[in-house]
N, C-alpha and C. Protein backbone atom coordinates (compact mmCIF):
# COMPACT_ATOMS: atom_id res chain seq x y z
N MET A 1 100.52 -16.58 -63.02
CA MET A 1 101.88 -16.57 -63.12
C MET A 1 102.72 -15.28 -62.77
N MET A 2 103.64 -16.08 -62.20
CA MET A 2 104.77 -14.28 -61.44
C MET A 2 105.35 -13.71 -62.75
N ALA A 3 105.26 -12.58 -62.80
CA ALA A 3 106.20 -11.77 -63.12
C ALA A 3 107.38 -11.51 -62.83
N ASP A 4 107.78 -10.98 -62.22
CA ASP A 4 109.01 -10.26 -61.30
C ASP A 4 108.36 -11.03 -59.89
N LYS A 5 110.30 -11.34 -59.03
CA LYS A 5 109.90 -11.70 -57.63
C LYS A 5 111.03 -10.82 -57.00
N CYS A 6 111.17 -10.32 -55.59
CA CYS A 6 111.94 -9.83 -55.01
C CYS A 6 111.87 -10.84 -53.76
N ILE A 7 113.03 -11.16 -53.13
CA ILE A 7 113.18 -11.60 -52.23
C ILE A 7 114.05 -10.80 -50.53
N VAL A 8 113.81 -10.41 -49.86
CA VAL A 8 114.09 -9.70 -49.19
C VAL A 8 114.55 -10.78 -47.94
N ALA A 9 116.06 -10.26 -47.29
CA ALA A 9 117.40 -11.04 -46.58
C ALA A 9 117.78 -10.06 -45.52
N ILE A 10 117.47 -10.39 -44.50
CA ILE A 10 118.46 -9.95 -44.01
C ILE A 10 119.48 -10.22 -42.94
N GLU A 11 120.62 -9.87 -43.28
CA GLU A 11 121.84 -10.48 -42.49
C GLU A 11 121.78 -9.85 -41.00
N LEU A 12 122.33 -11.02 -40.18
CA LEU A 12 122.72 -10.67 -39.06
C LEU A 12 123.98 -11.23 -38.98
N PRO A 13 124.62 -11.20 -37.32
CA PRO A 13 125.63 -11.26 -36.66
C PRO A 13 126.35 -12.85 -37.41
N ASN A 14 125.17 -14.05 -36.93
CA ASN A 14 125.54 -15.39 -37.63
C ASN A 14 124.71 -15.75 -38.38
N ALA A 15 123.77 -15.36 -38.81
CA ALA A 15 123.39 -16.24 -40.15
C ALA A 15 122.28 -14.65 -40.83
N THR A 16 122.09 -15.85 -41.49
CA THR A 16 120.89 -14.49 -42.25
C THR A 16 119.54 -14.76 -42.82
N VAL A 17 118.66 -14.34 -42.54
CA VAL A 17 116.94 -14.70 -42.42
C VAL A 17 116.20 -14.25 -43.56
N LYS A 18 114.88 -15.10 -44.19
CA LYS A 18 114.57 -14.10 -45.07
C LYS A 18 113.01 -13.52 -44.28
N ALA A 19 113.09 -12.09 -44.82
CA ALA A 19 111.74 -11.59 -44.30
C ALA A 19 110.55 -11.58 -44.60
N PHE A 20 110.71 -11.69 -46.49
CA PHE A 20 109.77 -12.19 -47.16
C PHE A 20 109.79 -12.17 -48.54
N ASP A 21 108.50 -11.94 -49.56
CA ASP A 21 109.06 -12.50 -50.73
C ASP A 21 107.86 -11.05 -50.87
N ILE A 22 108.12 -10.64 -52.33
CA ILE A 22 107.30 -9.59 -52.97
C ILE A 22 106.96 -10.54 -54.47
N CYS A 23 105.70 -10.34 -54.58
CA CYS A 23 105.88 -11.08 -56.24
C CYS A 23 104.80 -10.12 -56.62
N ILE A 24 105.46 -10.14 -58.61
CA ILE A 24 104.85 -9.14 -59.46
C ILE A 24 103.25 -9.86 -60.13
N GLY A 25 102.54 -10.10 -60.19
CA GLY A 25 101.88 -10.74 -61.11
C GLY A 25 101.72 -10.55 -62.62
N ASP A 26 101.61 -11.17 -63.36
CA ASP A 26 101.46 -10.78 -65.13
C ASP A 26 100.37 -9.64 -65.09
N LYS A 27 99.45 -9.84 -64.52
CA LYS A 27 98.21 -9.40 -64.12
C LYS A 27 98.47 -7.69 -63.98
N GLY A 28 99.37 -7.55 -63.24
CA GLY A 28 99.91 -6.28 -62.33
C GLY A 28 99.29 -6.46 -60.91
N ASP A 29 99.32 -7.22 -60.45
CA ASP A 29 98.89 -7.96 -58.99
C ASP A 29 99.76 -7.66 -58.29
N VAL A 30 99.87 -7.43 -57.04
CA VAL A 30 101.11 -7.36 -56.31
C VAL A 30 101.17 -8.07 -54.65
N TYR A 31 101.64 -9.31 -54.32
CA TYR A 31 101.42 -10.04 -53.17
C TYR A 31 102.85 -9.87 -52.35
N VAL A 32 102.75 -10.30 -51.30
CA VAL A 32 103.19 -9.12 -50.15
C VAL A 32 103.85 -10.76 -49.52
N ASN A 33 104.24 -11.69 -49.26
CA ASN A 33 104.26 -13.25 -48.86
C ASN A 33 105.02 -13.09 -47.75
N TYR A 34 104.93 -12.68 -46.46
CA TYR A 34 105.41 -13.14 -45.01
C TYR A 34 105.98 -14.54 -44.72
N SER A 35 107.20 -14.32 -43.39
CA SER A 35 108.22 -15.63 -43.97
C SER A 35 107.58 -15.96 -42.17
N MET A 36 107.49 -15.03 -41.20
CA MET A 36 107.25 -15.31 -39.62
C MET A 36 107.36 -17.07 -39.13
N ALA A 37 108.01 -17.41 -38.43
CA ALA A 37 107.46 -18.38 -37.80
C ALA A 37 106.45 -18.84 -36.53
N GLY A 38 106.05 -19.07 -37.16
CA GLY A 38 104.57 -19.65 -36.11
C GLY A 38 103.44 -19.40 -36.54
N LEU A 39 103.20 -17.86 -38.03
CA LEU A 39 102.42 -17.45 -38.78
C LEU A 39 102.17 -18.71 -39.63
N PRO A 40 100.73 -18.45 -39.63
CA PRO A 40 100.66 -20.19 -41.08
C PRO A 40 100.96 -18.55 -42.14
N GLU A 41 100.68 -19.17 -43.20
CA GLU A 41 100.91 -18.63 -44.53
C GLU A 41 99.99 -17.43 -44.42
N ALA A 42 100.96 -16.52 -44.80
CA ALA A 42 100.06 -15.22 -44.71
C ALA A 42 100.38 -14.42 -45.65
N HIS A 43 99.82 -13.33 -46.04
CA HIS A 43 100.08 -12.43 -47.22
C HIS A 43 99.05 -11.23 -47.33
N ALA A 44 100.13 -10.24 -47.78
CA ALA A 44 99.35 -8.61 -48.41
C ALA A 44 99.12 -9.00 -49.97
N SER A 45 97.54 -8.66 -50.18
CA SER A 45 97.58 -8.36 -51.62
C SER A 45 97.11 -7.54 -52.01
N TYR A 46 97.47 -6.34 -53.24
CA TYR A 46 97.00 -5.19 -54.08
C TYR A 46 97.09 -5.56 -55.13
N HIS A 47 95.36 -6.36 -56.05
CA HIS A 47 95.33 -7.14 -56.97
C HIS A 47 95.47 -5.87 -57.58
N ALA A 48 95.22 -6.15 -59.35
CA ALA A 48 95.57 -4.89 -60.24
C ALA A 48 93.76 -4.60 -60.57
N SER A 49 93.09 -4.66 -59.89
CA SER A 49 91.41 -3.74 -60.07
C SER A 49 92.14 -2.86 -58.48
N GLY A 50 93.11 -2.66 -57.72
CA GLY A 50 92.89 -2.15 -56.35
C GLY A 50 92.41 -2.23 -55.01
N GLN A 51 91.79 -3.24 -55.74
CA GLN A 51 91.61 -3.61 -54.35
C GLN A 51 92.79 -4.53 -53.64
N GLN A 52 92.83 -4.25 -51.80
CA GLN A 52 93.47 -4.83 -50.77
C GLN A 52 93.27 -5.43 -49.44
N HIS A 53 94.15 -6.16 -49.58
CA HIS A 53 93.58 -6.76 -48.67
C HIS A 53 94.81 -7.77 -47.86
N ILE A 54 94.30 -8.96 -46.78
CA ILE A 54 95.34 -9.33 -45.75
C ILE A 54 94.68 -10.25 -45.82
N LYS A 55 95.93 -11.74 -45.54
CA LYS A 55 94.90 -13.70 -45.50
C LYS A 55 95.62 -13.81 -44.41
N LYS A 56 95.60 -14.29 -43.62
CA LYS A 56 95.83 -15.72 -43.13
C LYS A 56 95.64 -16.89 -42.83
N ALA A 57 96.00 -18.20 -43.20
CA ALA A 57 95.99 -19.40 -42.98
C ALA A 57 94.68 -19.46 -44.28
N GLY A 58 94.63 -19.06 -45.45
CA GLY A 58 93.74 -18.67 -46.68
C GLY A 58 92.34 -18.20 -46.27
N LYS A 59 92.46 -17.12 -44.75
CA LYS A 59 91.59 -16.41 -45.12
C LYS A 59 91.83 -15.05 -44.25
N TYR A 60 90.90 -14.21 -45.03
CA TYR A 60 90.40 -13.04 -45.21
C TYR A 60 90.98 -12.23 -43.00
N VAL A 61 91.86 -11.48 -43.56
CA VAL A 61 91.48 -10.95 -41.69
C VAL A 61 90.39 -9.89 -41.26
N GLU A 62 89.89 -9.93 -40.38
CA GLU A 62 88.70 -9.39 -40.60
C GLU A 62 89.05 -7.96 -39.33
N TRP A 63 87.83 -7.39 -39.33
CA TRP A 63 87.86 -5.72 -38.93
C TRP A 63 86.66 -5.46 -38.60
N ASP A 64 86.62 -4.27 -37.53
CA ASP A 64 85.67 -3.62 -37.03
C ASP A 64 85.15 -2.27 -37.30
N ALA A 65 86.34 -1.66 -38.52
CA ALA A 65 86.52 -0.74 -39.27
C ALA A 65 86.23 -0.35 -40.28
N GLY A 66 85.20 -0.77 -40.96
CA GLY A 66 84.87 -0.99 -42.04
C GLY A 66 83.24 0.01 -41.39
N PRO A 67 82.38 -0.64 -42.89
CA PRO A 67 81.34 0.52 -43.28
C PRO A 67 79.94 -0.20 -42.03
N SER A 68 80.03 -1.07 -41.76
CA SER A 68 78.79 -2.26 -41.17
C SER A 68 79.57 -1.42 -39.78
N GLY A 69 80.35 -1.55 -39.15
CA GLY A 69 80.54 -0.88 -37.69
C GLY A 69 81.01 -2.16 -37.29
N GLN A 70 80.68 -3.58 -37.88
CA GLN A 70 81.14 -4.91 -37.61
C GLN A 70 81.88 -5.87 -37.60
N PHE A 71 82.33 -6.68 -36.95
CA PHE A 71 84.02 -7.20 -37.49
C PHE A 71 83.33 -8.16 -39.36
N GLU A 72 84.54 -7.57 -40.02
CA GLU A 72 84.07 -7.56 -41.46
C GLU A 72 85.51 -7.89 -42.00
N GLN A 73 85.53 -8.76 -43.48
CA GLN A 73 86.63 -8.69 -44.47
C GLN A 73 87.34 -7.12 -44.94
N MET A 74 88.50 -7.22 -43.90
CA MET A 74 89.21 -6.06 -44.55
C MET A 74 89.77 -5.91 -45.71
N LYS A 75 89.24 -5.52 -46.53
CA LYS A 75 89.26 -4.98 -47.73
C LYS A 75 89.43 -4.01 -48.03
N LEU A 76 90.08 -3.30 -48.99
CA LEU A 76 89.80 -1.77 -49.55
C LEU A 76 90.68 -1.82 -51.13
N GLN A 77 89.93 -0.46 -51.15
CA GLN A 77 89.93 -0.54 -52.38
C GLN A 77 90.19 0.86 -52.58
N ARG A 78 91.82 0.89 -53.66
CA ARG A 78 92.51 1.81 -54.28
C ARG A 78 92.64 1.93 -55.64
N THR A 79 94.01 2.93 -56.01
CA THR A 79 94.02 3.03 -56.56
C THR A 79 94.71 1.55 -57.42
N PRO A 80 94.67 1.36 -58.72
CA PRO A 80 94.78 -0.08 -59.40
C PRO A 80 96.48 0.26 -59.52
N PRO A 81 97.34 -1.10 -58.85
CA PRO A 81 98.92 -0.84 -59.06
C PRO A 81 99.58 -0.27 -60.34
N ARG A 82 98.85 -0.24 -61.59
CA ARG A 82 99.49 -0.05 -62.64
C ARG A 82 99.42 1.51 -63.05
N ASP A 83 97.88 2.21 -62.22
CA ASP A 83 97.97 3.40 -62.83
C ASP A 83 98.39 4.72 -61.61
N VAL A 84 99.19 3.94 -60.57
CA VAL A 84 99.72 4.93 -59.09
C VAL A 84 100.50 5.79 -60.15
N ILE A 85 100.21 7.38 -59.46
CA ILE A 85 101.75 8.16 -60.25
C ILE A 85 102.55 7.95 -59.15
N THR A 86 102.31 8.60 -57.82
CA THR A 86 103.71 8.84 -56.98
C THR A 86 103.08 7.35 -56.12
N ARG A 87 102.58 7.19 -55.15
CA ARG A 87 102.75 6.11 -54.34
C ARG A 87 102.11 4.97 -53.61
N SER A 88 102.17 4.47 -53.25
CA SER A 88 100.26 4.05 -52.71
C SER A 88 100.53 2.51 -52.07
N ASP A 89 100.63 1.67 -50.43
CA ASP A 89 100.79 1.40 -49.79
C ASP A 89 100.89 -0.02 -50.33
N CYS A 90 101.54 -0.68 -49.98
CA CYS A 90 100.98 -2.40 -50.39
C CYS A 90 100.26 -3.11 -49.88
N GLY A 91 99.94 -2.61 -48.30
CA GLY A 91 99.37 -3.35 -47.56
C GLY A 91 99.78 -2.41 -46.09
N SER A 92 100.70 -3.19 -45.31
CA SER A 92 101.27 -2.77 -44.48
C SER A 92 102.59 -3.14 -44.00
N THR A 93 103.07 -2.07 -42.78
CA THR A 93 104.83 -1.66 -42.59
C THR A 93 104.26 -3.37 -41.78
N ILE A 94 105.74 -3.60 -42.03
CA ILE A 94 106.06 -4.86 -40.86
C ILE A 94 107.32 -4.89 -40.40
N GLY A 95 107.28 -4.67 -38.91
CA GLY A 95 108.74 -4.99 -38.08
C GLY A 95 109.06 -5.25 -36.95
N TRP A 96 110.67 -6.04 -37.01
CA TRP A 96 110.74 -6.86 -35.89
C TRP A 96 111.42 -6.24 -34.90
N ASP A 97 111.48 -6.45 -33.43
CA ASP A 97 112.87 -6.32 -32.52
C ASP A 97 113.57 -7.41 -33.10
N VAL A 98 114.92 -6.22 -33.13
CA VAL A 98 116.11 -6.89 -33.49
C VAL A 98 117.07 -8.20 -33.03
N PRO A 99 116.91 -7.86 -31.90
CA PRO A 99 117.23 -8.79 -31.14
C PRO A 99 116.60 -10.38 -31.23
N LYS A 100 115.47 -10.29 -31.97
CA LYS A 100 114.37 -11.73 -31.85
C LYS A 100 114.24 -11.96 -33.74
N LEU A 101 114.92 -11.22 -34.29
CA LEU A 101 114.76 -11.67 -36.13
C LEU A 101 115.15 -13.08 -36.00
N LYS A 102 116.08 -13.33 -35.50
CA LYS A 102 117.06 -14.96 -35.51
C LYS A 102 115.47 -15.87 -35.17
N ASP A 103 115.02 -15.84 -34.10
CA ASP A 103 114.08 -17.05 -33.66
C ASP A 103 112.56 -16.50 -34.54
N VAL A 104 112.25 -15.88 -34.94
CA VAL A 104 110.99 -15.19 -35.27
C VAL A 104 110.99 -15.27 -37.17
N LEU A 105 111.94 -15.63 -37.90
CA LEU A 105 112.36 -15.46 -39.31
C LEU A 105 112.81 -17.07 -40.09
N PRO A 106 112.57 -17.79 -41.17
CA PRO A 106 113.40 -18.98 -41.13
C PRO A 106 115.10 -18.27 -42.36
N ALA A 107 115.83 -19.48 -41.74
CA ALA A 107 117.20 -19.03 -42.71
C ALA A 107 116.80 -18.66 -43.97
N LEU A 108 117.61 -17.86 -44.75
CA LEU A 108 117.29 -17.78 -45.95
C LEU A 108 117.72 -19.23 -46.75
N THR A 109 117.23 -19.78 -47.76
CA THR A 109 117.90 -21.12 -48.78
C THR A 109 117.90 -20.40 -49.48
N GLU A 110 117.42 -19.23 -50.02
CA GLU A 110 117.62 -19.19 -52.21
C GLU A 110 118.16 -17.08 -51.37
N GLN A 111 118.74 -16.96 -53.56
CA GLN A 111 119.26 -15.82 -53.50
C GLN A 111 118.63 -14.60 -52.65
N ALA A 112 119.15 -13.64 -52.67
CA ALA A 112 118.18 -12.58 -52.40
C ALA A 112 118.14 -11.85 -52.92
N ASP A 113 117.12 -10.34 -53.38
CA ASP A 113 117.79 -9.72 -54.31
C ASP A 113 117.45 -8.19 -53.51
N MET A 114 117.24 -7.91 -52.40
CA MET A 114 117.71 -7.27 -51.08
C MET A 114 118.34 -7.72 -50.14
N GLN A 115 119.24 -6.98 -49.75
CA GLN A 115 119.69 -8.15 -48.60
C GLN A 115 120.34 -7.03 -47.66
N VAL A 116 119.46 -6.49 -45.94
CA VAL A 116 119.76 -5.51 -44.93
C VAL A 116 120.38 -5.83 -44.12
N ASP A 117 121.35 -5.12 -43.97
CA ASP A 117 122.43 -5.39 -43.14
C ASP A 117 122.40 -5.08 -41.43
N ALA A 118 122.21 -5.97 -40.26
CA ALA A 118 121.70 -5.43 -39.29
C ALA A 118 122.43 -6.00 -38.31
N ARG A 119 123.64 -6.18 -38.35
CA ARG A 119 124.46 -6.56 -37.95
C ARG A 119 125.23 -5.47 -36.59
N THR A 120 124.42 -4.70 -37.13
CA THR A 120 125.30 -3.72 -35.99
C THR A 120 124.34 -2.48 -35.64
N LEU A 121 122.94 -3.19 -35.47
CA LEU A 121 121.93 -1.83 -35.18
C LEU A 121 121.45 -2.31 -33.34
N ALA A 122 122.01 -1.37 -33.34
CA ALA A 122 121.19 -2.06 -31.12
C ALA A 122 119.70 -2.40 -30.70
N ASN A 123 120.37 -2.97 -30.25
CA ASN A 123 119.21 -3.85 -29.22
C ASN A 123 117.69 -3.46 -28.78
N ASP A 124 118.32 -1.93 -29.18
CA ASP A 124 116.54 -1.21 -28.41
C ASP A 124 116.21 -1.60 -29.46
N SER A 125 116.14 -1.36 -30.83
CA SER A 125 115.56 -0.88 -32.44
C SER A 125 114.78 -1.78 -32.74
N ILE A 126 113.99 -1.45 -33.44
CA ILE A 126 113.02 -2.30 -34.68
C ILE A 126 113.73 -1.92 -35.99
N LEU A 127 113.82 -3.38 -36.56
CA LEU A 127 114.04 -2.48 -37.99
C LEU A 127 112.48 -3.69 -38.79
N ALA A 128 112.19 -1.84 -39.37
CA ALA A 128 110.81 -2.48 -40.55
C ALA A 128 111.06 -2.01 -41.84
N PHE A 129 110.02 -2.27 -42.40
CA PHE A 129 110.18 -2.52 -44.45
C PHE A 129 108.75 -1.61 -44.41
N GLN A 130 108.88 -1.04 -45.36
CA GLN A 130 107.17 -0.35 -45.88
C GLN A 130 107.74 -0.48 -47.47
N ILE A 131 106.98 -1.46 -47.51
CA ILE A 131 106.63 -1.59 -49.22
C ILE A 131 104.94 -0.85 -49.91
N ASN A 132 105.64 -0.43 -51.17
CA ASN A 132 104.95 0.84 -52.46
C ASN A 132 105.27 0.19 -53.46
N VAL A 133 103.67 1.04 -53.60
CA VAL A 133 103.81 0.21 -55.44
C VAL A 133 104.50 1.82 -55.64
N ILE A 134 105.15 1.85 -56.54
CA ILE A 134 105.33 3.35 -57.10
C ILE A 134 105.21 3.76 -58.54
N GLY A 135 104.88 5.39 -59.30
CA GLY A 135 104.55 5.71 -60.21
C GLY A 135 105.58 6.63 -60.42
N ALA A 136 105.82 6.77 -61.93
CA ALA A 136 107.16 8.01 -62.38
C ALA A 136 107.24 9.82 -61.51
N TRP A 137 106.12 9.78 -60.62
CA TRP A 137 106.25 11.02 -60.01
C TRP A 137 106.55 10.27 -58.45
N ALA A 138 106.90 9.51 -58.61
CA ALA A 138 107.16 8.84 -57.13
C ALA A 138 108.80 9.27 -56.63
N ARG A 139 108.95 10.17 -55.61
CA ARG A 139 110.25 10.52 -55.52
C ARG A 139 110.95 10.44 -53.95
N PRO A 140 112.02 9.75 -53.74
CA PRO A 140 112.80 9.18 -52.71
C PRO A 140 112.21 9.41 -51.72
N HIS A 141 112.17 8.53 -50.81
CA HIS A 141 112.25 9.09 -49.18
C HIS A 141 113.21 9.30 -48.57
N GLY A 142 113.34 9.82 -48.07
CA GLY A 142 115.43 10.02 -46.60
C GLY A 142 114.46 9.43 -45.30
N SER A 143 113.50 9.58 -44.78
CA SER A 143 113.07 8.45 -43.73
C SER A 143 111.67 8.30 -43.69
N ILE A 144 111.30 7.22 -43.36
CA ILE A 144 109.41 7.68 -42.87
C ILE A 144 109.41 7.45 -41.26
N SER A 145 107.78 8.73 -40.91
CA SER A 145 107.34 9.19 -39.87
C SER A 145 109.11 9.98 -38.84
N GLY A 146 109.67 10.13 -39.99
CA GLY A 146 111.17 10.51 -38.82
C GLY A 146 112.16 9.62 -38.90
N PHE A 147 111.99 8.60 -39.16
CA PHE A 147 112.90 6.51 -38.93
C PHE A 147 114.10 7.59 -40.24
N PRO A 148 115.18 7.01 -40.42
CA PRO A 148 116.29 6.89 -40.98
C PRO A 148 115.80 5.94 -41.78
N ILE A 149 115.61 5.71 -43.58
CA ILE A 149 115.80 4.23 -44.38
C ILE A 149 117.30 4.34 -44.20
N ILE A 150 117.37 2.77 -44.61
CA ILE A 150 119.01 2.30 -44.25
C ILE A 150 118.95 1.68 -45.37
N LYS A 151 117.56 1.31 -46.06
CA LYS A 151 118.03 0.45 -47.66
C LYS A 151 116.76 1.15 -48.51
N THR A 152 117.04 0.70 -49.46
CA THR A 152 115.75 1.30 -50.38
C THR A 152 116.00 0.30 -51.97
N HIS A 153 115.12 -0.38 -52.26
CA HIS A 153 115.20 -1.62 -53.24
C HIS A 153 114.15 -1.36 -54.19
N ARG A 154 114.16 -1.23 -55.37
CA ARG A 154 112.94 -0.70 -56.36
C ARG A 154 113.14 -2.52 -57.23
N PHE A 155 111.72 -2.98 -57.87
CA PHE A 155 112.20 -3.94 -58.82
C PHE A 155 110.69 -4.13 -59.79
N GLY A 156 111.01 -4.10 -61.15
CA GLY A 156 109.62 -3.70 -61.78
C GLY A 156 109.34 -3.03 -62.40
N THR A 157 108.54 -2.96 -63.64
CA THR A 157 108.48 -2.33 -65.07
C THR A 157 106.98 -1.56 -64.20
N ASN A 158 105.81 -2.04 -64.52
CA ASN A 158 104.89 -1.50 -64.32
C ASN A 158 103.26 -2.72 -63.91
N PRO A 159 103.30 -2.40 -62.69
CA PRO A 159 104.05 -1.44 -61.48
C PRO A 159 105.24 -2.13 -61.04
N GLN A 160 105.67 -0.77 -60.61
CA GLN A 160 107.08 -0.42 -60.28
C GLN A 160 106.66 -1.02 -59.02
N VAL A 161 107.60 -1.50 -57.43
CA VAL A 161 107.29 -1.64 -56.54
C VAL A 161 109.02 -1.09 -56.02
N GLU A 162 108.89 -0.59 -54.43
CA GLU A 162 110.05 -0.20 -54.02
C GLU A 162 109.57 -0.41 -52.30
N VAL A 163 110.68 -1.24 -51.87
CA VAL A 163 111.08 -1.10 -50.77
C VAL A 163 111.84 -0.48 -49.91
N ASN A 164 111.23 -0.66 -48.44
CA ASN A 164 112.90 0.87 -48.06
C ASN A 164 112.35 -0.25 -46.39
N ALA A 165 113.61 -0.15 -46.38
CA ALA A 165 113.88 -0.60 -45.09
C ALA A 165 114.49 0.46 -44.07
N PHE A 166 113.62 0.47 -42.53
CA PHE A 166 113.89 1.65 -41.83
C PHE A 166 114.68 1.57 -40.08
N VAL A 167 115.01 1.89 -39.82
CA VAL A 167 115.02 1.58 -37.96
C VAL A 167 114.52 2.34 -37.48
N VAL A 168 113.57 1.52 -36.31
CA VAL A 168 112.77 2.35 -35.51
C VAL A 168 114.27 2.30 -34.40
N SER A 169 114.74 3.50 -33.77
CA SER A 169 115.19 3.78 -32.69
C SER A 169 114.86 3.55 -31.16
N ASP A 170 113.73 4.32 -31.32
CA ASP A 170 113.36 4.67 -29.51
C ASP A 170 112.11 4.06 -29.87
N LEU A 171 112.03 3.32 -28.14
CA LEU A 171 110.14 2.32 -28.50
C LEU A 171 109.37 2.73 -28.38
N THR A 172 109.54 3.48 -27.67
CA THR A 172 108.56 4.46 -27.17
C THR A 172 107.61 5.44 -27.99
N SER A 173 108.24 6.36 -29.04
CA SER A 173 107.74 6.94 -30.20
C SER A 173 107.53 6.30 -31.16
N GLY A 174 108.24 4.79 -31.73
CA GLY A 174 108.22 4.18 -32.19
C GLY A 174 106.99 3.33 -32.41
N ALA A 175 107.03 2.54 -31.22
CA ALA A 175 106.18 2.09 -31.56
C ALA A 175 104.22 2.69 -32.19
N ALA A 176 104.72 3.85 -31.21
CA ALA A 176 103.37 5.15 -32.03
C ALA A 176 103.80 5.02 -32.80
N ALA A 177 105.01 5.03 -33.38
CA ALA A 177 104.46 5.98 -35.42
C ALA A 177 104.50 4.35 -36.50
N LEU A 178 104.26 3.32 -35.36
CA LEU A 178 104.23 1.91 -36.70
C LEU A 178 102.48 1.45 -36.34
N GLU A 179 102.38 2.05 -35.15
CA GLU A 179 100.84 1.71 -35.74
C GLU A 179 99.88 2.96 -36.14
N ALA A 180 100.71 3.89 -36.22
CA ALA A 180 99.72 4.86 -37.40
C ALA A 180 99.70 4.05 -38.42
N PHE A 181 100.38 3.64 -39.13
CA PHE A 181 100.81 2.79 -40.58
C PHE A 181 99.65 2.03 -40.71
C-alpha cells in the first residue's frame, strides 16, 4: 500500500506530459515509476532496508561493475531511507532532449503534484530530474553539477523525497555531466 504519491508533469507549448511518479510506501520504500513510450514497465526502488535497484519489464537491470566483474543484478546497498540525514539519491538522474519530450512521454491524464514549465526552454537543451530522499540536514541546492535548478518539490514526511528539475544547456558538457550520475 502506498502512503504518499507525487506525479511529475512537464508543460509543453501544446500539451502536458507525464514524466514519472514517485510513491512512498507505508514501510518507507520509495519507488520511481517511469512513463517513457516504448519502455516496458520500469522503476527504480529504494527499499526500507536500504537496497536500491532498477527493474525493466519486471527484471533487474544488470551491470558488470559489481564485485564479480561479470554481468549481475544491479543491486546497491545504501542508508535506509528513514535513516538518511542529508540526502541520498533514489536511483538515477533522468533527462530528455527538450524537442523529444512530446514524443517520448505520455499525455498527462491525472492531477500533477509537480509541474515543470518547459515551454520556453531552448531546443538544444535537456530537461533533467534528480530524485533524492532527504533528511533534516539537507540543504537546498541551487544547481546540480553547475546546471541551474528550475523547480523543486518536496513531499512525504518519513522519508521525505525531493525532486529537482534542472536544465542542461550545453550538450557537450551536459552529456558528460549526466553520465557522471
